[in-house]
Amino acid sequence: MSGTADPERFDGMLLAMAQQCEGGVQELLDVFFGFLARKTDFYTGAGVDPAMKMVIAKFEQHEKLVAERLKKEKEEKEAEEKRRKERIAKKKAEEEKERSKVEEEPKIKELTEEEAEQLEQDLKKEKENSSSNIANGTGDVESKLEKAASDDEEEDEKDKGKLKPNVGNGADMANYSWTQTLQEVEIKVPFQVGFPLKSRDLVVNIEKKKLCVGLKGHPPVINGTMYNEVKVDESTWCIVDSKMLLINLEKVNQMEWWSRIVTTEPEINTKKVQPENSKLSDLDGETRSMVEKMMYDQRQKELGLPTSDEQKKQDVLKKFMEQHPEMDFSKCKFS
């Protein structure tokens, strides 16, 4: 046998054999040694002792390879865990830096006389518009709510036929399932095989916008262009319970929901995504608050209503004016 021969060239046939051996490894060994006994002179050609020594030598050779591979996999797993913790620490540091910037921004700005006069006119105009709407029994909010409802009906028409998201805001496909948060996508691929899965049994190719996943010697379970780009260096995969492949993809754009994994698969209706049922609970306090605020502001904008920041400004200005009726506010602006 050539030393450069591909050690995996018979994997397809052996996997097919293993899948038919309901008794597991023991039955597979029975099949193999039975073949040697019936079809070769393995036991009689050189004698029993040399044959046994050959079997033990090959066992020890491959046992050593397995030990080396397990050691390497453990080191890779530890390195990936270290990178994951570093990414989390980096994100927290960036969020803290951003929060500090916001806190350091001035809350009160001095206006010029022209800006103060313009503000006074705008406030007066806004008050007149508000009174007019109340008197007529209708308001801008109502009309925008009606418009939003109409838009929803149109969007519902476009979304007909799309899948309803599962509890993880993804979908349960025929051969795999996936869930997502704004930051990442998690894919679970179960394999119905009669042996413990190892990394060498799988094909997992993660590119910036392409994904190929499957069992060696079999058609891929997932293969195609992804919905959007991922960070290849920060995306990982592992085998769970020797039966299932777990893939974690980190999104490049962390402000959107994916409608599918690859473009050839059916889409989910992202309007029915429910973040409160996703993994928001797994996020740290600051990140979760930021995501919830972003979603609230998006809904407010769609309805033509003030965002949380705009509402806060209005509330501060109103409260301050109520507390100081004797003061002239034409020179001040809260922002």
Protein backbone atom coordinates (compact mmCIF):
# COMPACT_ATOMS: atom_id res chain seq x y z
CA MET A 1 0.00 0.00 0.00
CA SER A 2 1.35 3.41 -0.96
CA GLY A 3 2.14 5.73 1.95
CA THR A 4 0.68 8.66 0.01
CA ALA A 5 -2.69 6.96 -0.67
CA ASP A 6 -5.75 8.94 0.41
CA PRO A 7 -6.80 7.48 3.81
CA GLU A 8 -10.40 8.60 3.18
CA ARG A 9 -10.86 7.03 -0.27
CA PHE A 10 -12.98 4.15 1.12
CA ASP A 11 -14.99 6.27 3.59
CA GLY A 12 -18.09 6.26 1.39
CA MET A 13 -18.25 2.46 1.26
CA LEU A 14 -17.38 2.04 4.92
CA LEU A 15 -19.99 4.60 5.99
CA ALA A 16 -22.60 2.71 3.96
CA MET A 17 -21.55 -0.50 5.73
CA ALA A 18 -21.61 1.14 9.16
CA GLN A 19 -25.13 2.48 8.57
CA GLN A 20 -26.36 -1.05 7.93
CA CYS A 21 -24.72 -2.49 11.07
CA GLU A 22 -27.43 -2.02 13.70
CA GLY A 23 -25.12 -3.63 16.27
CA GLY A 24 -22.69 -0.74 15.96
CA VAL A 25 -18.89 -1.12 15.98
CA GLN A 26 -19.02 -4.69 17.27
CA GLU A 27 -21.09 -5.85 14.30
CA LEU A 28 -18.89 -3.86 11.90
CA LEU A 29 -15.79 -5.63 13.27
CA ASP A 30 -17.56 -8.99 12.92
CA VAL A 31 -18.23 -8.18 9.27
CA PHE A 32 -14.61 -7.15 8.64
CA PHE A 33 -12.89 -10.09 10.39
CA GLY A 34 -15.48 -12.47 8.95
CA PHE A 35 -14.48 -11.24 5.50
CA LEU A 36 -10.79 -11.86 6.32
CA ALA A 37 -11.58 -15.36 7.57
CA ARG A 38 -13.74 -16.33 4.57
CA LYS A 39 -12.02 -14.60 1.69
CA THR A 40 -8.33 -14.30 2.65
CA ASP A 41 -5.51 -16.32 4.27
CA PHE A 42 -5.09 -13.68 7.01
CA TYR A 43 -5.32 -16.27 9.83
CA THR A 44 -3.44 -19.13 8.12
CA GLY A 45 -0.95 -17.45 5.82
CA ALA A 46 1.61 -16.28 8.37
CA GLY A 47 0.17 -17.84 11.52
CA VAL A 48 -2.10 -16.67 14.31
CA ASP A 49 0.52 -14.80 16.36
CA PRO A 50 1.78 -12.61 13.50
CA ALA A 51 -1.81 -11.85 12.51
CA MET A 52 -2.68 -10.83 16.09
CA LYS A 53 0.46 -8.69 16.34
CA MET A 54 -0.49 -6.96 13.08
CA VAL A 55 -3.99 -6.19 14.40
CA ILE A 56 -2.61 -4.83 17.69
CA ALA A 57 0.02 -2.74 15.87
CA LYS A 58 -2.60 -1.18 13.61
CA PHE A 59 -4.88 -0.56 16.60
CA GLU A 60 -2.07 1.22 18.48
CA GLN A 61 -1.13 3.22 15.36
CA HIS A 62 -4.64 4.59 14.89
CA GLU A 63 -5.20 5.01 18.62
CA LYS A 64 -2.23 7.37 18.63
CA LEU A 65 -3.70 9.31 15.69
CA VAL A 66 -7.03 9.63 17.51
CA ALA A 67 -5.28 10.89 20.66
CA GLU A 68 -3.40 13.50 18.63
CA ARG A 69 -6.57 14.60 16.86
CA LEU A 70 -8.53 14.90 20.11
CA LYS A 71 -5.70 16.95 21.59
CA LYS A 72 -5.73 19.25 18.56
CA GLU A 73 -9.53 19.60 18.66
CA LYS A 74 -9.38 20.44 22.36
CA GLU A 75 -6.72 23.10 21.73
CA GLU A 76 -8.79 24.56 18.85
CA LYS A 77 -11.91 24.59 21.02
CA GLU A 78 -10.05 26.35 23.84
CA ALA A 79 -8.62 28.87 21.36
CA GLU A 80 -12.09 29.53 19.93
CA GLU A 81 -13.54 29.98 23.42
CA LYS A 82 -10.75 32.45 24.18
CA ARG A 83 -11.54 34.37 20.95
CA ARG A 84 -15.25 34.35 21.82
CA LYS A 85 -14.58 35.83 25.28
CA GLU A 86 -12.29 38.44 23.72
CA ARG A 87 -15.04 39.40 21.24
CA ILE A 88 -17.56 39.78 24.08
CA ALA A 89 -15.10 41.90 26.08
CA LYS A 90 -14.38 44.04 23.01
CA LYS A 91 -18.08 44.59 22.37
CA LYS A 92 -18.69 45.59 25.98
CA ALA A 93 -15.77 48.01 25.84
CA GLU A 94 -17.09 49.61 22.63
CA GLU A 95 -20.60 49.90 24.11
CA GLU A 96 -19.21 51.47 27.29
CA LYS A 97 -17.21 53.93 25.22
CA GLU A 98 -20.29 54.83 23.17
CA ARG A 99 -22.41 55.22 26.31
CA SER A 100 -19.78 57.49 27.85
CA LYS A 101 -19.82 59.67 24.73
CA VAL A 102 -23.59 60.06 24.97
CA GLU A 103 -23.42 60.94 28.67
CA GLU A 104 -20.74 63.55 28.05
CA GLU A 105 -22.79 65.39 25.42
CA PRO A 106 -24.25 68.70 26.67
CA LYS A 107 -27.93 68.58 27.57
CA ILE A 108 -28.63 72.33 27.31
CA LYS A 109 -27.52 74.54 24.43
CA GLU A 110 -27.48 78.32 24.29
CA LEU A 111 -29.45 79.80 21.38
CA THR A 112 -28.92 82.91 19.40
CA GLU A 113 -31.73 85.47 19.37
CA GLU A 114 -32.78 84.34 15.87
CA GLU A 115 -32.89 80.65 16.93
CA ALA A 116 -34.83 81.53 20.10
CA GLU A 117 -37.39 83.49 18.08
CA GLN A 118 -37.77 80.61 15.62
CA LEU A 119 -38.25 78.14 18.49
CA GLU A 120 -40.95 80.32 20.02
CA GLN A 121 -42.79 80.49 16.68
CA ASP A 122 -42.52 76.71 16.21
CA LEU A 123 -43.89 76.02 19.70
CA LYS A 124 -46.76 78.41 19.10
CA LYS A 125 -47.54 76.81 15.73
CA GLU A 126 -47.41 73.31 17.22
CA LYS A 127 -49.81 74.36 20.00
CA GLU A 128 -52.28 75.80 17.47
CA ASN A 129 -52.14 72.64 15.33
CA SER A 130 -52.72 70.47 18.39
CA SER A 131 -55.77 72.52 19.44
CA SER A 132 -57.18 72.35 15.92
CA ASN A 133 -56.88 68.57 15.78
CA ILE A 134 -58.61 68.12 19.13
CA ALA A 135 -61.46 70.43 18.11
CA ASN A 136 -62.09 68.48 14.90
CA GLY A 137 -62.07 65.16 16.73
CA THR A 138 -59.26 63.88 14.49
CA GLY A 139 -55.52 64.23 14.69
CA ASP A 140 -52.35 63.59 12.87
CA VAL A 141 -51.72 60.52 15.00
CA GLU A 142 -55.02 58.94 13.93
CA SER A 143 -54.38 59.55 10.23
CA LYS A 144 -50.90 58.08 10.52
CA LEU A 145 -52.22 55.08 12.41
CA GLU A 146 -54.74 54.52 9.60
CA LYS A 147 -51.95 54.85 7.04
CA ALA A 148 -49.82 52.36 8.97
CA ALA A 149 -52.73 49.91 9.08
CA SER A 150 -53.20 50.32 5.32
CA ASP A 151 -49.48 49.74 4.75
CA ASP A 152 -49.67 46.62 6.89
CA GLU A 153 -52.45 45.26 4.69
CA GLU A 154 -50.35 45.87 1.58
CA GLU A 155 -47.31 44.25 3.19
CA ASP A 156 -49.43 41.28 4.29
CA GLU A 157 -50.36 40.79 0.64
CA LYS A 158 -46.66 40.73 -0.31
CA ASP A 159 -45.81 38.37 2.55
CA LYS A 160 -48.40 35.75 1.62
CA GLY A 161 -46.77 32.36 1.28
CA LYS A 162 -43.84 33.20 3.56
CA LEU A 163 -43.14 30.93 6.54
CA LYS A 164 -44.06 31.94 10.07
CA PRO A 165 -40.90 32.24 12.22
CA ASN A 166 -40.29 29.52 14.80
CA VAL A 167 -39.82 30.38 18.48
CA GLY A 168 -36.20 31.31 17.78
CA ASN A 169 -37.14 33.73 14.96
CA GLY A 170 -35.85 31.33 12.31
CA ALA A 171 -37.38 28.30 10.62
CA ASP A 172 -37.62 24.51 10.92
CA MET A 173 -36.62 23.11 7.52
CA ALA A 174 -36.80 19.51 6.29
CA ASN A 175 -33.17 18.63 7.12
CA TYR A 176 -32.13 21.37 9.52
CA SER A 177 -33.44 24.18 11.72
CA TRP A 178 -32.15 27.67 12.43
CA THR A 179 -32.69 30.51 14.87
CA GLN A 180 -31.32 34.04 15.08
CA THR A 181 -30.72 37.17 17.11
CA LEU A 182 -29.71 40.52 15.63
CA GLN A 183 -26.07 39.55 16.16
CA GLU A 184 -25.88 35.93 15.03
CA VAL A 185 -27.48 32.91 13.37
CA GLU A 186 -27.50 29.40 14.86
CA ILE A 187 -28.03 26.35 12.63
CA LYS A 188 -28.71 22.79 13.86
CA VAL A 189 -28.20 19.91 11.41
CA PRO A 190 -29.08 16.43 12.78
CA PHE A 191 -27.57 13.39 11.02
CA GLN A 192 -29.26 9.98 11.14
CA VAL A 193 -26.15 7.78 11.20
CA GLY A 194 -25.32 4.56 13.02
CA PHE A 195 -21.98 5.76 14.36
CA PRO A 196 -20.66 8.70 16.46
CA LEU A 197 -20.03 11.70 14.23
CA LYS A 198 -16.49 13.04 14.01
CA SER A 199 -15.25 16.22 12.36
CA ARG A 200 -13.58 14.17 9.63
CA ASP A 201 -17.00 12.76 8.64
CA LEU A 202 -18.36 16.23 7.79
CA VAL A 203 -17.98 18.91 5.16
CA VAL A 204 -18.40 22.40 6.65
CA ASN A 205 -17.29 25.29 4.44
CA ILE A 206 -18.11 28.79 5.73
CA GLU A 207 -17.28 31.71 3.43
CA LYS A 208 -18.20 35.40 3.65
CA LYS A 209 -21.50 34.86 1.81
CA LYS A 210 -21.53 31.14 0.98
CA LEU A 211 -22.23 28.07 3.07
CA CYS A 212 -21.81 24.36 2.32
CA VAL A 213 -22.70 21.72 4.93
CA GLY A 214 -23.07 17.96 4.65
CA LEU A 215 -21.83 14.44 5.29
CA LYS A 216 -18.80 13.30 3.29
CA GLY A 217 -19.81 11.14 0.34
CA HIS A 218 -23.43 12.44 0.45
CA PRO A 219 -25.26 15.39 -1.14
CA PRO A 220 -24.91 18.58 0.97
CA VAL A 221 -27.72 19.50 3.37
CA ILE A 222 -27.10 23.24 2.85
CA ASN A 223 -25.27 24.65 -0.16
CA GLY A 224 -25.61 28.13 -1.63
CA THR A 225 -25.35 31.88 -1.30
CA MET A 226 -26.34 33.14 2.16
CA TYR A 227 -28.90 35.87 2.84
CA ASN A 228 -26.13 38.26 3.84
CA GLU A 229 -22.46 38.37 4.79
CA VAL A 230 -20.98 36.81 7.94
CA LYS A 231 -17.72 37.28 9.83
CA VAL A 232 -15.87 34.12 8.82
CA ASP A 233 -13.19 34.32 11.54
CA GLU A 234 -15.81 34.71 14.27
CA SER A 235 -18.14 31.96 12.99
CA THR A 236 -17.76 28.50 14.53
CA TRP A 237 -19.13 24.96 14.40
CA CYS A 238 -19.04 21.87 16.62
CA ILE A 239 -20.60 18.40 17.00
CA VAL A 240 -23.21 17.94 19.75
CA ASP A 241 -23.95 14.51 21.30
CA SER A 242 -22.07 12.80 18.42
CA LYS A 243 -25.21 13.18 16.25
CA MET A 244 -25.81 16.85 15.48
CA LEU A 245 -23.82 19.62 13.83
CA LEU A 246 -24.18 23.04 15.48
CA ILE A 247 -23.09 26.10 13.44
CA ASN A 248 -22.85 29.64 14.78
CA LEU A 249 -22.60 32.46 12.19
CA GLU A 250 -21.87 36.03 13.30
CA LYS A 251 -23.60 38.61 11.11
CA VAL A 252 -21.73 41.52 9.53
CA ASN A 253 -24.88 43.67 9.59
CA GLN A 254 -26.16 43.33 13.15
CA MET A 255 -29.19 45.57 12.66
CA GLU A 256 -31.34 43.26 10.50
CA TRP A 257 -33.30 40.02 10.65
CA TRP A 258 -32.52 37.31 8.09
CA SER A 259 -35.45 35.86 6.15
CA ARG A 260 -33.56 32.65 5.25
CA ILE A 261 -30.12 31.03 5.43
CA VAL A 262 -29.44 30.55 1.72
CA THR A 263 -31.26 32.25 -1.15
CA THR A 264 -32.65 28.98 -2.53
CA GLU A 265 -34.66 28.24 0.64
CA PRO A 266 -38.21 29.51 1.47
CA GLU A 267 -38.37 32.85 3.31
CA ILE A 268 -39.83 33.60 6.72
CA ASN A 269 -41.98 36.69 7.34
CA THR A 270 -39.56 38.91 9.29
CA LYS A 271 -42.46 41.21 10.29
CA LYS A 272 -43.61 38.42 12.60
CA VAL A 273 -40.26 38.10 14.34
CA GLN A 274 -40.73 38.44 18.10
CA PRO A 275 -37.48 39.62 19.71
CA GLU A 276 -38.87 39.15 23.19
CA ASN A 277 -38.98 35.41 22.47
CA SER A 278 -35.49 35.33 21.00
CA LYS A 279 -32.17 35.36 22.84
CA LEU A 280 -32.42 38.96 24.06
CA SER A 281 -32.43 37.50 27.56
CA ASP A 282 -28.92 36.18 26.93
CA LEU A 283 -27.54 39.66 26.22
CA ASP A 284 -25.95 41.83 28.86
CA GLY A 285 -28.09 44.65 30.27
CA GLU A 286 -26.70 47.49 28.16
CA THR A 287 -26.89 45.59 24.85
CA ARG A 288 -30.42 44.40 25.57
CA SER A 289 -31.57 47.93 26.44
CA MET A 290 -29.99 49.27 23.25
CA VAL A 291 -31.74 46.65 21.07
CA GLU A 292 -35.13 47.15 22.76
CA LYS A 293 -34.81 50.95 22.41
CA MET A 294 -33.93 50.59 18.73
CA MET A 295 -37.00 48.41 18.10
CA TYR A 296 -39.31 50.76 20.02
CA ASP A 297 -38.02 53.77 18.07
CA GLN A 298 -38.52 51.91 14.78
CA ARG A 299 -42.17 51.21 15.61
CA GLN A 300 -42.71 54.84 16.67
CA LYS A 301 -41.23 56.13 13.40
CA GLU A 302 -43.47 53.81 11.37
CA LEU A 303 -46.49 55.32 13.16
CA GLY A 304 -45.20 58.88 12.80
CA LEU A 305 -44.87 59.20 16.60
CA PRO A 306 -41.93 60.60 18.64
CA THR A 307 -38.98 58.32 19.30
CA SER A 308 -37.89 57.71 22.90
CA ASP A 309 -35.25 60.47 22.67
CA GLU A 310 -37.69 62.95 21.11
CA GLN A 311 -40.33 62.13 23.73
CA LYS A 312 -37.77 62.59 26.48
CA LYS A 313 -36.89 66.04 25.16
CA GLN A 314 -40.56 67.03 25.02
CA ASP A 315 -41.17 65.76 28.56
CA VAL A 316 -38.13 67.58 29.96
CA LEU A 317 -39.14 70.85 28.29
CA LYS A 318 -42.76 70.54 29.46
CA LYS A 319 -41.78 69.73 33.05
CA PHE A 320 -39.26 72.54 33.22
CA MET A 321 -41.78 75.07 31.89
CA GLU A 322 -44.41 73.90 34.40
CA GLN A 323 -41.96 74.27 37.29
CA HIS A 324 -40.91 77.78 36.24
CA PRO A 325 -43.94 79.67 34.88
CA GLU A 326 -42.26 82.98 35.75
CA MET A 327 -39.34 82.39 33.39
CA ASP A 328 -38.91 83.32 29.73
CA PHE A 329 -37.97 80.12 27.85
CA SER A 330 -37.33 81.79 24.52
CA LYS A 331 -33.58 81.72 25.26
CA CYS A 332 -33.35 78.02 26.11
CA LYS A 333 -33.59 74.80 24.20
CA PHE A 334 -33.39 71.27 25.55
CA SER A 335 -31.79 68.75 23.14
